[in-house]
Amino acid sequence: MVGLCGEFPSGQLNRLIESDSYAEKVVTDLKQSKLIRTHYKDGLRGYRLTKQAKELLLSQNSCRFQNYLTGNAETNLIRSELPRRLRLHQKAETYLTLSHAGIPFFPDEKHRILNREKKGFSEDSISEELQKLVTKDYSSNISKATCNRAISWLYFSGIIGFCAKITEMDILDFKSASRCYFMDMGLANYYLTRTGTDSRVLAGTLNENYVYINLKKRQDFPPEISFETPAFATYRGGEIDFVAQSLSSSTRYLIEVKAGKGTASTAQKALAQGKADKLLYLKGATKGGIDGKTETLPIYLLEQYKFN
């Protein structure tokens, strides 16, 4: 924990180790072994790793700790300024909260959850899916309520956003919070890259995340498109990346984010059956074009596109 946050606040030790006497013994033993030291300044006390401890962690699990304990990382080259130290202490509190909720926070542990949304959740509820993943791989004592609290924390912190599900392209069958996306592209790229995600999957996931953020902004005041949140849809055994509906004209769009020359058979089928008015392809390598009710657009031009 000290290695992840750079400096662990002494006041949070009771959240890490419940027994005060045992916590004191652990700290004493680590100090005697020259693995941690106490840093006190500006009324703030915390524990930092020694050079010997960093070398030990890197030798045991370099993939997990190299981005925290090498180079110019803030958790490696720790400054004494109060704002910087407070930021490290806040990181520690966040990691502790995730730990108590049973949510994996090491980058090498998170790939199952980060990439699961690309295949879609088997459960209608994010918390149910998360609970199933965590209890399968980590702990059997995690309740749905605990998962809800962890997800709520991520949502209200502005880290993730929710995406609804429209079942069988029936607008009346609208299930909110059926999928989640990062609200920051840099954060999405950082964590997905750290988990060793395949480059093709990474590009596709980031493109889809970018479109989600764009649609979310269009629902802010003054809104351009309908629904409480961006939404994806299912139809006849397949899935459509996003569905959007213009507020000004009620024109309904099926949106597919594709790499290369990929097509979307489910969206084409829904369009042919009159479930929507237009199909919008967003692609990385295309000059764009219009073919009847189907429009193809370079994804980087989405910011300029108008749903009307």
C-alpha atoms as a PDB file:
ATOM      1  CA  MET A   1       0.000   0.000   0.000  1.00  0.00           C
ATOM      2  CA  VAL A   2       2.881   2.391   0.803  1.00  0.00           C
ATOM      3  CA  GLY A   3       4.394   1.676  -2.602  1.00  0.00           C
ATOM      4  CA  LEU A   4       1.167   2.511  -4.435  1.00  0.00           C
ATOM      5  CA  CYS A   5       0.505   5.849  -2.744  1.00  0.00           C
ATOM      6  CA  GLY A   6       4.091   6.976  -2.071  1.00  0.00           C
ATOM      7  CA  GLU A   7       3.375   8.018   1.498  1.00  0.00           C
ATOM      8  CA  PHE A   8       0.850   6.239   3.680  1.00  0.00           C
ATOM      9  CA  PRO A   9      -0.892   8.457   6.291  1.00  0.00           C
ATOM     10  CA  SER A  10      -0.319   7.186   9.831  1.00  0.00           C
ATOM     11  CA  GLY A  11      -3.877   8.198  10.750  1.00  0.00           C
ATOM     12  CA  GLN A  12      -5.246   5.622   8.278  1.00  0.00           C
ATOM     13  CA  LEU A  13      -3.301   2.709   9.728  1.00  0.00           C
ATOM     14  CA  ASN A  14      -6.329   1.471  11.688  1.00  0.00           C
ATOM     15  CA  ARG A  15      -8.227   1.060   8.401  1.00  0.00           C
ATOM     16  CA  LEU A  16      -5.424  -1.117   7.064  1.00  0.00           C
ATOM     17  CA  ILE A  17      -4.839  -3.144  10.249  1.00  0.00           C
ATOM     18  CA  GLU A  18      -7.738  -3.270  12.731  1.00  0.00           C
ATOM     19  CA  SER A  19      -5.733  -4.257  15.817  1.00  0.00           C
ATOM     20  CA  ASP A  20      -3.778  -1.284  17.195  1.00  0.00           C
ATOM     21  CA  SER A  21      -1.232  -3.500  18.956  1.00  0.00           C
ATOM     22  CA  TYR A  22      -0.642  -5.614  15.860  1.00  0.00           C
ATOM     23  CA  ALA A  23      -0.378  -2.505  13.660  1.00  0.00           C
ATOM     24  CA  GLU A  24       2.268  -1.093  16.003  1.00  0.00           C
ATOM     25  CA  LYS A  25       4.208  -4.368  15.867  1.00  0.00           C
ATOM     26  CA  VAL A  26       4.089  -4.465  12.039  1.00  0.00           C
ATOM     27  CA  VAL A  27       5.348  -0.876  11.769  1.00  0.00           C
ATOM     28  CA  THR A  28       8.121  -1.557  14.287  1.00  0.00           C
ATOM     29  CA  ASP A  29       9.242  -4.692  12.461  1.00  0.00           C
ATOM     30  CA  LEU A  30       9.263  -2.908   9.092  1.00  0.00           C
ATOM     31  CA  LYS A  31      11.324  -0.047  10.538  1.00  0.00           C
ATOM     32  CA  GLN A  32      13.799  -2.435  12.130  1.00  0.00           C
ATOM     33  CA  SER A  33      14.126  -4.230   8.803  1.00  0.00           C
ATOM     34  CA  LYS A  34      14.804  -0.823   7.204  1.00  0.00           C
ATOM     35  CA  LEU A  35      11.860  -1.171   4.809  1.00  0.00           C
ATOM     36  CA  ILE A  36       9.863   1.903   5.881  1.00  0.00           C
ATOM     37  CA  ARG A  37      10.587   5.197   7.625  1.00  0.00           C
ATOM     38  CA  THR A  38       8.412   7.891   9.186  1.00  0.00           C
ATOM     39  CA  HIS A  39       8.202  11.338   7.589  1.00  0.00           C
ATOM     40  CA  TYR A  40       6.803  14.168   9.720  1.00  0.00           C
ATOM     41  CA  LYS A  41       6.376  17.760   8.541  1.00  0.00           C
ATOM     42  CA  ASP A  42       3.684  20.468   8.725  1.00  0.00           C
ATOM     43  CA  GLY A  43       1.766  18.405  11.273  1.00  0.00           C
ATOM     44  CA  LEU A  44       1.400  15.561   8.774  1.00  0.00           C
ATOM     45  CA  ARG A  45       2.854  12.131   9.566  1.00  0.00           C
ATOM     46  CA  GLY A  46       3.238   9.327   7.065  1.00  0.00           C
ATOM     47  CA  TYR A  47       5.211   6.212   6.207  1.00  0.00           C
ATOM     48  CA  ARG A  48       7.515   6.026   3.192  1.00  0.00           C
ATOM     49  CA  LEU A  49       9.406   3.149   1.615  1.00  0.00           C
ATOM     50  CA  THR A  50      13.162   2.971   1.860  1.00  0.00           C
ATOM     51  CA  LYS A  51      15.349   2.327  -1.176  1.00  0.00           C
ATOM     52  CA  GLN A  52      15.782  -1.253   0.012  1.00  0.00           C
ATOM     53  CA  ALA A  53      11.996  -1.789   0.145  1.00  0.00           C
ATOM     54  CA  LYS A  54      11.516  -0.396  -3.367  1.00  0.00           C
ATOM     55  CA  GLU A  55      14.167  -2.701  -4.749  1.00  0.00           C
ATOM     56  CA  LEU A  56      12.539  -5.643  -2.992  1.00  0.00           C
ATOM     57  CA  LEU A  57       9.075  -4.936  -4.432  1.00  0.00           C
ATOM     58  CA  LEU A  58      10.475  -4.388  -7.923  1.00  0.00           C
ATOM     59  CA  SER A  59      12.361  -7.672  -7.764  1.00  0.00           C
ATOM     60  CA  GLN A  60       9.260  -9.567  -6.656  1.00  0.00           C
ATOM     61  CA  ASN A  61       6.728  -7.984  -9.040  1.00  0.00           C
ATOM     62  CA  SER A  62       8.229  -5.447 -11.429  1.00  0.00           C
ATOM     63  CA  CYS A  63       5.149  -5.332 -13.687  1.00  0.00           C
ATOM     64  CA  ARG A  64       2.965  -4.232 -10.787  1.00  0.00           C
ATOM     65  CA  PHE A  65       5.287  -1.675  -9.194  1.00  0.00           C
ATOM     66  CA  GLN A  66       7.564  -0.281 -11.904  1.00  0.00           C
ATOM     67  CA  ASN A  67       5.259   2.628 -12.726  1.00  0.00           C
ATOM     68  CA  TYR A  68       5.048   3.564  -9.057  1.00  0.00           C
ATOM     69  CA  LEU A  69       8.622   3.040  -7.885  1.00  0.00           C
ATOM     70  CA  THR A  70      10.796   4.077 -10.834  1.00  0.00           C
ATOM     71  CA  GLY A  71      11.551   7.227 -12.812  1.00  0.00           C
ATOM     72  CA  ASN A  72       9.893  10.547 -12.048  1.00  0.00           C
ATOM     73  CA  ALA A  73       6.632   9.086 -10.752  1.00  0.00           C
ATOM     74  CA  GLU A  74       5.157  11.190  -7.943  1.00  0.00           C
ATOM     75  CA  THR A  75       5.021   8.085  -5.777  1.00  0.00           C
ATOM     76  CA  ASN A  76       8.765   7.518  -6.297  1.00  0.00           C
ATOM     77  CA  LEU A  77      10.285  11.000  -6.157  1.00  0.00           C
ATOM     78  CA  ILE A  78       8.240  12.260  -3.234  1.00  0.00           C
ATOM     79  CA  ARG A  79       8.293  15.985  -2.474  1.00  0.00           C
ATOM     80  CA  SER A  80       7.870  17.608   0.920  1.00  0.00           C
ATOM     81  CA  GLU A  81       5.352  20.296  -0.132  1.00  0.00           C
ATOM     82  CA  LEU A  82       2.113  19.956   1.840  1.00  0.00           C
ATOM     83  CA  PRO A  83      -0.280  19.920  -1.198  1.00  0.00           C
ATOM     84  CA  ARG A  84       1.725  17.110  -2.827  1.00  0.00           C
ATOM     85  CA  ARG A  85       1.777  15.046   0.349  1.00  0.00           C
ATOM     86  CA  LEU A  86      -1.941  15.566   0.903  1.00  0.00           C
ATOM     87  CA  ARG A  87      -2.573  14.263  -2.617  1.00  0.00           C
ATOM     88  CA  LEU A  88      -0.611  11.094  -1.809  1.00  0.00           C
ATOM     89  CA  HIS A  89      -2.562  10.656   1.433  1.00  0.00           C
ATOM     90  CA  GLN A  90      -5.826  11.014  -0.492  1.00  0.00           C
ATOM     91  CA  LYS A  91      -4.671   8.298  -2.881  1.00  0.00           C
ATOM     92  CA  ALA A  92      -4.081   6.019   0.082  1.00  0.00           C
ATOM     93  CA  GLU A  93      -7.597   6.660   1.412  1.00  0.00           C
ATOM     94  CA  THR A  94      -9.048   5.857  -2.009  1.00  0.00           C
ATOM     95  CA  TYR A  95      -7.113   2.593  -2.264  1.00  0.00           C
ATOM     96  CA  LEU A  96      -8.250   1.631   1.236  1.00  0.00           C
ATOM     97  CA  THR A  97     -11.890   2.287   0.300  1.00  0.00           C
ATOM     98  CA  LEU A  98     -11.577   0.106  -2.792  1.00  0.00           C
ATOM     99  CA  SER A  99      -9.812  -2.562  -0.768  1.00  0.00           C
ATOM    100  CA  HIS A 100     -12.593  -2.700   1.853  1.00  0.00           C
ATOM    101  CA  ALA A 101     -15.157  -2.918  -0.948  1.00  0.00           C
ATOM    102  CA  GLY A 102     -13.277  -5.890  -2.393  1.00  0.00           C
ATOM    103  CA  ILE A 103     -12.653  -4.023  -5.664  1.00  0.00           C
ATOM    104  CA  PRO A 104      -9.304  -4.880  -7.321  1.00  0.00           C
ATOM    105  CA  PHE A 105      -7.156  -1.780  -7.814  1.00  0.00           C
ATOM    106  CA  PHE A 106      -3.818  -3.151  -8.970  1.00  0.00           C
ATOM    107  CA  PRO A 107      -3.575  -2.500 -12.740  1.00  0.00           C
ATOM    108  CA  ASP A 108      -2.725  -6.131 -13.459  1.00  0.00           C
ATOM    109  CA  GLU A 109      -5.918  -7.262 -11.674  1.00  0.00           C
ATOM    110  CA  LYS A 110      -8.418  -4.986 -13.424  1.00  0.00           C
ATOM    111  CA  HIS A 111      -8.439  -6.190 -17.027  1.00  0.00           C
ATOM    112  CA  ARG A 112     -11.492  -8.424 -16.597  1.00  0.00           C
ATOM    113  CA  ILE A 113     -13.677  -5.524 -15.489  1.00  0.00           C
ATOM    114  CA  LEU A 114     -12.220  -2.877 -17.810  1.00  0.00           C
ATOM    115  CA  ASN A 115     -12.692  -4.968 -20.934  1.00  0.00           C
ATOM    116  CA  ARG A 116     -15.924  -6.742 -19.969  1.00  0.00           C
ATOM    117  CA  GLU A 117     -18.110  -3.925 -21.281  1.00  0.00           C
ATOM    118  CA  LYS A 118     -16.857  -4.530 -24.818  1.00  0.00           C
ATOM    119  CA  LYS A 119     -18.566  -7.929 -24.771  1.00  0.00           C
ATOM    120  CA  GLY A 120     -21.506  -6.676 -22.760  1.00  0.00           C
ATOM    121  CA  PHE A 121     -22.554  -7.628 -19.260  1.00  0.00           C
ATOM    122  CA  SER A 122     -24.435 -10.869 -18.762  1.00  0.00           C
ATOM    123  CA  GLU A 123     -26.421  -9.232 -15.955  1.00  0.00           C
ATOM    124  CA  ASP A 124     -28.670  -6.196 -16.425  1.00  0.00           C
ATOM    125  CA  SER A 125     -27.142  -4.505 -13.386  1.00  0.00           C
ATOM    126  CA  ILE A 126     -23.529  -3.323 -13.232  1.00  0.00           C
ATOM    127  CA  SER A 127     -23.404  -4.030  -9.508  1.00  0.00           C
ATOM    128  CA  GLU A 128     -24.626  -7.602 -10.037  1.00  0.00           C
ATOM    129  CA  GLU A 129     -22.021  -8.200 -12.739  1.00  0.00           C
ATOM    130  CA  LEU A 130     -19.284  -6.662 -10.623  1.00  0.00           C
ATOM    131  CA  GLN A 131     -20.337  -8.690  -7.593  1.00  0.00           C
ATOM    132  CA  LYS A 132     -20.182 -11.871  -9.671  1.00  0.00           C
ATOM    133  CA  LEU A 133     -16.690 -11.042 -10.950  1.00  0.00           C
ATOM    134  CA  VAL A 134     -15.302 -10.061  -7.559  1.00  0.00           C
ATOM    135  CA  THR A 135     -16.770 -12.978  -5.610  1.00  0.00           C
ATOM    136  CA  LYS A 136     -15.534 -15.402  -8.256  1.00  0.00           C
ATOM    137  CA  ASP A 137     -11.950 -14.148  -8.355  1.00  0.00           C
ATOM    138  CA  TYR A 138     -11.319 -12.425  -5.032  1.00  0.00           C
ATOM    139  CA  SER A 139     -13.734 -12.727  -2.110  1.00  0.00           C
ATOM    140  CA  SER A 140     -17.033 -14.457  -1.451  1.00  0.00           C
ATOM    141  CA  ASN A 141     -18.074 -11.967   1.236  1.00  0.00           C
ATOM    142  CA  ILE A 142     -18.860  -9.025  -1.047  1.00  0.00           C
ATOM    143  CA  SER A 143     -22.515  -7.997  -1.112  1.00  0.00           C
ATOM    144  CA  LYS A 144     -24.424  -6.249  -3.862  1.00  0.00           C
ATOM    145  CA  ALA A 145     -24.793  -3.230  -1.533  1.00  0.00           C
ATOM    146  CA  THR A 146     -21.005  -3.004  -1.179  1.00  0.00           C
ATOM    147  CA  CYS A 147     -20.590  -3.082  -4.963  1.00  0.00           C
ATOM    148  CA  ASN A 148     -23.263  -0.391  -5.283  1.00  0.00           C
ATOM    149  CA  ARG A 149     -21.350   1.857  -2.888  1.00  0.00           C
ATOM    150  CA  ALA A 150     -18.105   1.376  -4.808  1.00  0.00           C
ATOM    151  CA  ILE A 151     -19.780   2.093  -8.145  1.00  0.00           C
ATOM    152  CA  SER A 152     -21.571   5.141  -6.711  1.00  0.00           C
ATOM    153  CA  TRP A 153     -18.251   6.484  -5.457  1.00  0.00           C
ATOM    154  CA  LEU A 154     -16.692   6.122  -8.925  1.00  0.00           C
ATOM    155  CA  TYR A 155     -19.740   7.750 -10.533  1.00  0.00           C
ATOM    156  CA  PHE A 156     -20.071  10.740  -8.195  1.00  0.00           C
ATOM    157  CA  SER A 157     -16.311  11.273  -8.376  1.00  0.00           C
ATOM    158  CA  GLY A 158     -16.716  11.791 -12.120  1.00  0.00           C
ATOM    159  CA  ILE A 159     -14.527   8.797 -12.980  1.00  0.00           C
ATOM    160  CA  ILE A 160     -17.188   6.746 -14.770  1.00  0.00           C
ATOM    161  CA  GLY A 161     -20.492   7.440 -16.489  1.00  0.00           C
ATOM    162  CA  PHE A 162     -23.479   5.176 -17.060  1.00  0.00           C
ATOM    163  CA  CYS A 163     -24.918   3.918 -20.333  1.00  0.00           C
ATOM    164  CA  ALA A 164     -28.467   2.580 -20.637  1.00  0.00           C
ATOM    165  CA  LYS A 165     -29.731  -0.457 -22.524  1.00  0.00           C
ATOM    166  CA  ILE A 166     -32.640  -0.446 -24.973  1.00  0.00           C
ATOM    167  CA  THR A 167     -33.866  -4.019 -25.284  1.00  0.00           C
ATOM    168  CA  GLU A 168     -34.886  -5.154 -28.769  1.00  0.00           C
ATOM    169  CA  MET A 169     -34.891  -1.514 -29.939  1.00  0.00           C
ATOM    170  CA  ASP A 170     -38.005  -0.891 -27.825  1.00  0.00           C
ATOM    171  CA  ILE A 171     -37.634   2.604 -26.365  1.00  0.00           C
ATOM    172  CA  LEU A 172     -40.134   1.743 -23.651  1.00  0.00           C
ATOM    173  CA  ASP A 173     -37.839  -1.075 -22.472  1.00  0.00           C
ATOM    174  CA  PHE A 174     -35.107   1.294 -21.263  1.00  0.00           C
ATOM    175  CA  LYS A 175     -32.803  -0.024 -18.520  1.00  0.00           C
ATOM    176  CA  SER A 176     -30.560   2.658 -17.019  1.00  0.00           C
ATOM    177  CA  ALA A 177     -26.990   2.028 -15.810  1.00  0.00           C
ATOM    178  CA  SER A 178     -26.503  -1.206 -17.755  1.00  0.00           C
ATOM    179  CA  ARG A 179     -22.945  -0.364 -18.809  1.00  0.00           C
ATOM    180  CA  CYS A 180     -20.257   2.074 -17.772  1.00  0.00           C
ATOM    181  CA  TYR A 181     -17.525   4.071 -19.483  1.00  0.00           C
ATOM    182  CA  PHE A 182     -14.656   6.234 -18.311  1.00  0.00           C
ATOM    183  CA  MET A 183     -15.377   9.966 -18.330  1.00  0.00           C
ATOM    184  CA  ASP A 184     -11.793  10.814 -19.253  1.00  0.00           C
ATOM    185  CA  MET A 185      -9.987   9.452 -22.324  1.00  0.00           C
ATOM    186  CA  GLY A 186      -6.563   9.788 -20.741  1.00  0.00           C
ATOM    187  CA  LEU A 187      -7.673   7.729 -17.761  1.00  0.00           C
ATOM    188  CA  ALA A 188      -9.212   5.088 -20.024  1.00  0.00           C
ATOM    189  CA  ASN A 189      -6.056   4.831 -22.119  1.00  0.00           C
ATOM    190  CA  TYR A 190      -3.832   4.725 -19.025  1.00  0.00           C
ATOM    191  CA  TYR A 191      -5.575   1.819 -17.324  1.00  0.00           C
ATOM    192  CA  LEU A 192      -6.276  -0.199 -20.465  1.00  0.00           C
ATOM    193  CA  THR A 193      -2.673   0.141 -21.609  1.00  0.00           C
ATOM    194  CA  ARG A 194      -1.424  -0.891 -18.186  1.00  0.00           C
ATOM    195  CA  THR A 195      -3.456  -4.102 -18.325  1.00  0.00           C
ATOM    196  CA  GLY A 196      -1.758  -5.183 -21.552  1.00  0.00           C
ATOM    197  CA  THR A 197      -4.899  -4.943 -23.677  1.00  0.00           C
ATOM    198  CA  ASP A 198      -4.371  -5.980 -27.306  1.00  0.00           C
ATOM    199  CA  SER A 199      -3.736  -2.908 -29.493  1.00  0.00           C
ATOM    200  CA  ARG A 200      -6.729  -3.580 -31.736  1.00  0.00           C
ATOM    201  CA  VAL A 201      -9.077  -4.074 -28.783  1.00  0.00           C
ATOM    202  CA  LEU A 202      -7.582  -1.005 -27.116  1.00  0.00           C
ATOM    203  CA  ALA A 203      -8.232   1.192 -30.157  1.00  0.00           C
ATOM    204  CA  GLY A 204     -11.806  -0.052 -30.501  1.00  0.00           C
ATOM    205  CA  THR A 205     -12.582   0.421 -26.806  1.00  0.00           C
ATOM    206  CA  LEU A 206     -11.102   3.933 -26.734  1.00  0.00           C
ATOM    207  CA  ASN A 207     -13.035   4.943 -29.858  1.00  0.00           C
ATOM    208  CA  GLU A 208     -16.270   3.693 -28.332  1.00  0.00           C
ATOM    209  CA  ASN A 209     -15.471   5.484 -25.063  1.00  0.00           C
ATOM    210  CA  TYR A 210     -14.834   8.696 -27.002  1.00  0.00           C
ATOM    211  CA  VAL A 211     -18.236   8.460 -28.692  1.00  0.00           C
ATOM    212  CA  TYR A 212     -19.907   7.849 -25.314  1.00  0.00           C
ATOM    213  CA  ILE A 213     -18.355  11.024 -23.855  1.00  0.00           C
ATOM    214  CA  ASN A 214     -19.421  13.005 -26.933  1.00  0.00           C
ATOM    215  CA  LEU A 215     -23.030  11.798 -26.658  1.00  0.00           C
ATOM    216  CA  LYS A 216     -23.046  12.512 -22.925  1.00  0.00           C
ATOM    217  CA  LYS A 217     -22.036  16.132 -23.573  1.00  0.00           C
ATOM    218  CA  ARG A 218     -24.877  16.492 -26.077  1.00  0.00           C
ATOM    219  CA  GLN A 219     -27.342  15.677 -23.276  1.00  0.00           C
ATOM    220  CA  ASP A 220     -26.084  18.548 -21.124  1.00  0.00           C
ATOM    221  CA  PHE A 221     -27.851  21.904 -21.230  1.00  0.00           C
ATOM    222  CA  PRO A 222     -28.917  22.873 -23.818  1.00  0.00           C
ATOM    223  CA  PRO A 223     -29.617  19.254 -24.810  1.00  0.00           C
ATOM    224  CA  GLU A 224     -29.363  18.135 -28.428  1.00  0.00           C
ATOM    225  CA  ILE A 225     -30.407  14.481 -28.086  1.00  0.00           C
ATOM    226  CA  SER A 226     -32.962  12.516 -26.046  1.00  0.00           C
ATOM    227  CA  PHE A 227     -32.710   9.981 -23.196  1.00  0.00           C
ATOM    228  CA  GLU A 228     -31.394  10.392 -19.669  1.00  0.00           C
ATOM    229  CA  THR A 229     -27.996   8.924 -20.585  1.00  0.00           C
ATOM    230  CA  PRO A 230     -26.381   7.599 -23.761  1.00  0.00           C
ATOM    231  CA  ALA A 231     -27.748   4.170 -24.627  1.00  0.00           C
ATOM    232  CA  PHE A 232     -26.820   1.046 -26.549  1.00  0.00           C
ATOM    233  CA  ALA A 233     -29.362  -1.450 -27.870  1.00  0.00           C
ATOM    234  CA  THR A 234     -29.960  -5.107 -28.516  1.00  0.00           C
ATOM    235  CA  TYR A 235     -31.911  -6.428 -31.491  1.00  0.00           C
ATOM    236  CA  ARG A 236     -32.570 -10.004 -32.604  1.00  0.00           C
ATOM    237  CA  GLY A 237     -29.552 -11.516 -30.902  1.00  0.00           C
ATOM    238  CA  GLY A 238     -27.150  -8.718 -31.830  1.00  0.00           C
ATOM    239  CA  GLU A 239     -26.018  -5.424 -30.363  1.00  0.00           C
ATOM    240  CA  ILE A 240     -25.894  -1.820 -31.577  1.00  0.00           C
ATOM    241  CA  ASP A 241     -23.152   0.400 -30.124  1.00  0.00           C
ATOM    242  CA  PHE A 242     -25.335   3.459 -29.481  1.00  0.00           C
ATOM    243  CA  VAL A 243     -28.807   4.835 -30.201  1.00  0.00           C
ATOM    244  CA  ALA A 244     -29.429   8.594 -30.295  1.00  0.00           C
ATOM    245  CA  GLN A 245     -32.551  10.601 -31.064  1.00  0.00           C
ATOM    246  CA  SER A 246     -32.651  14.241 -32.082  1.00  0.00           C
ATOM    247  CA  LEU A 247     -34.718  16.500 -29.844  1.00  0.00           C
ATOM    248  CA  SER A 248     -35.456  18.921 -32.659  1.00  0.00           C
ATOM    249  CA  SER A 249     -36.716  16.431 -35.258  1.00  0.00           C
ATOM    250  CA  SER A 250     -37.160  13.095 -33.396  1.00  0.00           C
ATOM    251  CA  THR A 251     -34.884  11.504 -35.995  1.00  0.00           C
ATOM    252  CA  ARG A 252     -33.509   8.289 -34.517  1.00  0.00           C
ATOM    253  CA  TYR A 253     -29.907   7.309 -35.231  1.00  0.00           C
ATOM    254  CA  LEU A 254     -28.165   3.975 -34.896  1.00  0.00           C
ATOM    255  CA  ILE A 255     -24.472   4.603 -34.240  1.00  0.00           C
ATOM    256  CA  GLU A 256     -21.769   2.039 -34.933  1.00  0.00           C
ATOM    257  CA  VAL A 257     -18.110   2.594 -34.064  1.00  0.00           C
ATOM    258  CA  LYS A 258     -16.042   0.482 -36.439  1.00  0.00           C
ATOM    259  CA  ALA A 259     -12.411  -0.068 -37.329  1.00  0.00           C
ATOM    260  CA  GLY A 260     -11.372  -0.410 -40.976  1.00  0.00           C
ATOM    261  CA  LYS A 261     -14.085  -1.585 -43.333  1.00  0.00           C
ATOM    262  CA  GLY A 262     -16.205  -3.336 -40.719  1.00  0.00           C
ATOM    263  CA  THR A 263     -19.985  -3.360 -41.083  1.00  0.00           C
ATOM    264  CA  ALA A 264     -22.772  -3.743 -38.568  1.00  0.00           C
ATOM    265  CA  SER A 265     -25.302  -6.401 -39.574  1.00  0.00           C
ATOM    266  CA  THR A 266     -27.511  -5.892 -36.502  1.00  0.00           C
ATOM    267  CA  ALA A 267     -27.793  -2.145 -37.083  1.00  0.00           C
ATOM    268  CA  GLN A 268     -28.459  -2.684 -40.787  1.00  0.00           C
ATOM    269  CA  LYS A 269     -31.198  -5.160 -39.932  1.00  0.00           C
ATOM    270  CA  ALA A 270     -32.803  -2.740 -37.449  1.00  0.00           C
ATOM    271  CA  LEU A 271     -32.660   0.083 -40.004  1.00  0.00           C
ATOM    272  CA  ALA A 272     -34.292  -2.099 -42.675  1.00  0.00           C
ATOM    273  CA  GLN A 273     -37.079  -3.017 -40.213  1.00  0.00           C
ATOM    274  CA  GLY A 274     -37.859   0.661 -39.580  1.00  0.00           C
ATOM    275  CA  LYS A 275     -36.509   0.725 -36.016  1.00  0.00           C
ATOM    276  CA  ALA A 276     -34.526   3.873 -36.798  1.00  0.00           C
ATOM    277  CA  ASP A 277     -34.282   6.602 -39.420  1.00  0.00           C
ATOM    278  CA  LYS A 278     -30.532   6.690 -40.018  1.00  0.00           C
ATOM    279  CA  LEU A 279     -27.411   4.595 -39.526  1.00  0.00           C
ATOM    280  CA  LEU A 280     -24.224   6.482 -38.676  1.00  0.00           C
ATOM    281  CA  TYR A 281     -20.871   4.728 -39.065  1.00  0.00           C
ATOM    282  CA  LEU A 282     -17.954   6.286 -37.203  1.00  0.00           C
ATOM    283  CA  LYS A 283     -14.651   4.976 -38.531  1.00  0.00           C
ATOM    284  CA  GLY A 284     -10.989   5.777 -38.142  1.00  0.00           C
ATOM    285  CA  ALA A 285      -9.857   5.204 -41.732  1.00  0.00           C
ATOM    286  CA  THR A 286     -12.511   6.656 -44.045  1.00  0.00           C
ATOM    287  CA  LYS A 287     -13.193   9.732 -46.143  1.00  0.00           C
ATOM    288  CA  GLY A 288     -16.883   9.502 -45.296  1.00  0.00           C
ATOM    289  CA  GLY A 289     -19.939   9.427 -47.499  1.00  0.00           C
ATOM    290  CA  ILE A 290     -23.717   8.981 -47.700  1.00  0.00           C
ATOM    291  CA  ASP A 291     -25.580   6.009 -49.138  1.00  0.00           C
ATOM    292  CA  GLY A 292     -29.325   6.370 -48.690  1.00  0.00           C
ATOM    293  CA  LYS A 293     -30.086   6.281 -44.961  1.00  0.00           C
ATOM    294  CA  THR A 294     -26.520   5.257 -44.112  1.00  0.00           C
ATOM    295  CA  GLU A 295     -23.883   7.875 -43.409  1.00  0.00           C
ATOM    296  CA  THR A 296     -20.174   7.229 -42.829  1.00  0.00           C
ATOM    297  CA  LEU A 297     -18.090   9.775 -40.948  1.00  0.00           C
ATOM    298  CA  PRO A 298     -14.450   9.924 -39.821  1.00  0.00           C
ATOM    299  CA  ILE A 299     -14.619   9.603 -36.051  1.00  0.00           C
ATOM    300  CA  TYR A 300     -12.523  12.736 -35.562  1.00  0.00           C
ATOM    301  CA  LEU A 301     -15.321  14.797 -37.170  1.00  0.00           C
ATOM    302  CA  LEU A 302     -17.940  13.715 -34.639  1.00  0.00           C
ATOM    303  CA  GLU A 303     -17.493  16.946 -32.659  1.00  0.00           C
ATOM    304  CA  GLN A 304     -18.785  18.893 -35.686  1.00  0.00           C
ATOM    305  CA  TYR A 305     -21.667  16.539 -36.472  1.00  0.00           C
ATOM    306  CA  LYS A 306     -25.229  17.677 -35.742  1.00  0.00           C
ATOM    307  CA  PHE A 307     -28.058  15.304 -34.876  1.00  0.00           C
ATOM    308  CA  ASN A 308     -30.992  17.031 -36.568  1.00  0.00           C
END
